[in-house]
C-alpha atoms as a PDB file:
ATOM      1  CA  MET A   1      -1.285-246.299 165.853  1.00  0.00           C
ATOM      2  CA  LYS A   2      -1.467-242.791 163.753  1.00  0.00           C
ATOM      3  CA  LYS A   3       1.762-241.079 163.363  1.00  0.00           C
ATOM      4  CA  HIS A   4       1.330-237.510 163.936  1.00  0.00           C
ATOM      5  CA  TYR A   5       1.289-235.014 160.994  1.00  0.00           C
ATOM      6  CA  PRO A   6       1.868-231.484 161.285  1.00  0.00           C
ATOM      7  CA  ARG A   7      -1.522-230.123 159.692  1.00  0.00           C
ATOM      8  CA  TYR A   8      -1.705-228.247 156.685  1.00  0.00           C
ATOM      9  CA  THR A   9      -4.465-226.550 155.467  1.00  0.00           C
ATOM     10  CA  LEU A  10      -4.784-226.718 151.294  1.00  0.00           C
ATOM     11  CA  ARG A  11      -7.005-224.901 148.737  1.00  0.00           C
ATOM     12  CA  ILE A  12      -7.948-226.466 145.221  1.00  0.00           C
ATOM     13  CA  PRO A  13     -10.732-225.467 143.002  1.00  0.00           C
ATOM     14  CA  LYS A  14     -13.844-227.428 144.048  1.00  0.00           C
ATOM     15  CA  GLU A  15     -13.288-228.993 140.358  1.00  0.00           C
ATOM     16  CA  LEU A  16     -10.213-230.828 140.869  1.00  0.00           C
ATOM     17  CA  LEU A  17     -11.172-232.151 144.954  1.00  0.00           C
ATOM     18  CA  ASP A  18     -14.060-233.609 143.135  1.00  0.00           C
ATOM     19  CA  LYS A  19     -11.738-235.280 141.036  1.00  0.00           C
ATOM     20  CA  ILE A  20      -9.418-236.606 143.719  1.00  0.00           C
ATOM     21  CA  SER A  21     -12.640-237.524 145.816  1.00  0.00           C
ATOM     22  CA  TYR A  22     -13.262-239.795 142.612  1.00  0.00           C
ATOM     23  CA  THR A  23      -9.634-241.247 142.340  1.00  0.00           C
ATOM     24  CA  ALA A  24     -10.171-241.763 145.786  1.00  0.00           C
ATOM     25  CA  GLU A  25     -13.504-243.495 146.140  1.00  0.00           C
ATOM     26  CA  GLN A  26     -12.051-245.745 143.093  1.00  0.00           C
ATOM     27  CA  ASN A  27      -8.733-246.714 145.066  1.00  0.00           C
ATOM     28  CA  GLY A  28     -10.699-247.167 148.152  1.00  0.00           C
ATOM     29  CA  ARG A  29      -8.751-244.711 149.733  1.00  0.00           C
ATOM     30  CA  THR A  30      -9.251-241.609 151.870  1.00  0.00           C
ATOM     31  CA  LYS A  31      -9.463-238.014 149.783  1.00  0.00           C
ATOM     32  CA  ASN A  32      -6.154-237.305 152.425  1.00  0.00           C
ATOM     33  CA  ARG A  33      -4.367-240.786 151.450  1.00  0.00           C
ATOM     34  CA  GLU A  34      -4.435-240.376 147.521  1.00  0.00           C
ATOM     35  CA  ILE A  35      -3.302-236.836 147.941  1.00  0.00           C
ATOM     36  CA  GLU A  36      -0.375-238.190 150.143  1.00  0.00           C
ATOM     37  CA  LEU A  37       0.471-240.664 147.595  1.00  0.00           C
ATOM     38  CA  THR A  38      -0.035-238.494 144.704  1.00  0.00           C
ATOM     39  CA  LEU A  39       2.158-236.274 146.080  1.00  0.00           C
ATOM     40  CA  ARG A  40       4.808-238.924 147.025  1.00  0.00           C
ATOM     41  CA  LYS A  41       4.606-239.985 143.377  1.00  0.00           C
ATOM     42  CA  TYR A  42       5.512-236.156 142.084  1.00  0.00           C
ATOM     43  CA  ILE A  43       8.501-236.205 144.793  1.00  0.00           C
ATOM     44  CA  SER A  44       9.340-239.911 143.626  1.00  0.00           C
ATOM     45  CA  ASP A  45       9.608-238.575 139.719  1.00  0.00           C
ATOM     46  CA  TYR A  46      11.153-235.299 140.344  1.00  0.00           C
ATOM     47  CA  GLU A  47      13.667-237.035 142.580  1.00  0.00           C
ATOM     48  CA  ARG A  48      14.722-239.586 139.572  1.00  0.00           C
ATOM     49  CA  LEU A  49      14.992-236.564 137.199  1.00  0.00           C
ATOM     50  CA  TYR A  50      17.043-233.730 139.586  1.00  0.00           C
ATOM     51  CA  GLY A  51      18.179-235.771 142.082  1.00  0.00           C
ATOM     52  CA  LYS A  52      17.436-236.653 145.699  1.00  0.00           C
ATOM     53  CA  ILE A  53      15.759-233.607 147.482  1.00  0.00           C
ATOM     54  CA  ASN A  54      17.978-233.138 151.087  1.00  0.00           C
ATOM     55  CA  ILE A  55      16.032-231.990 153.635  1.00  0.00           C
ATOM     56  CA  ASN A  56      17.950-230.145 156.722  1.00  0.00           C
ATOM     57  CA  LYS A  57      16.485-229.649 159.954  1.00  0.00           C
ATOM     58  CA  GLU A  58      16.338-226.170 159.488  1.00  0.00           C
ATOM     59  CA  GLN A  59      13.969-226.493 155.858  1.00  0.00           C
ATOM     60  CA  GLU A  60      12.099-229.158 157.708  1.00  0.00           C
ATOM     61  CA  SER A  61      10.042-226.787 160.342  1.00  0.00           C
ATOM     62  CA  SER A  62       9.463-224.397 157.192  1.00  0.00           C
END
């Protein structure tokens, strides 16, 4: 069963999208999943350096 995720339109340069397409294909993932995993790694690295990001209910809807 798929989880419900909010939609978010992302505008990025075509060259970057083409590179994401390439890495996604190499990793056997969709572009969306490739972007999601890349963002998760970025957040994990950020939190390792600066501490955990705490999101309260008011911030989640932004």
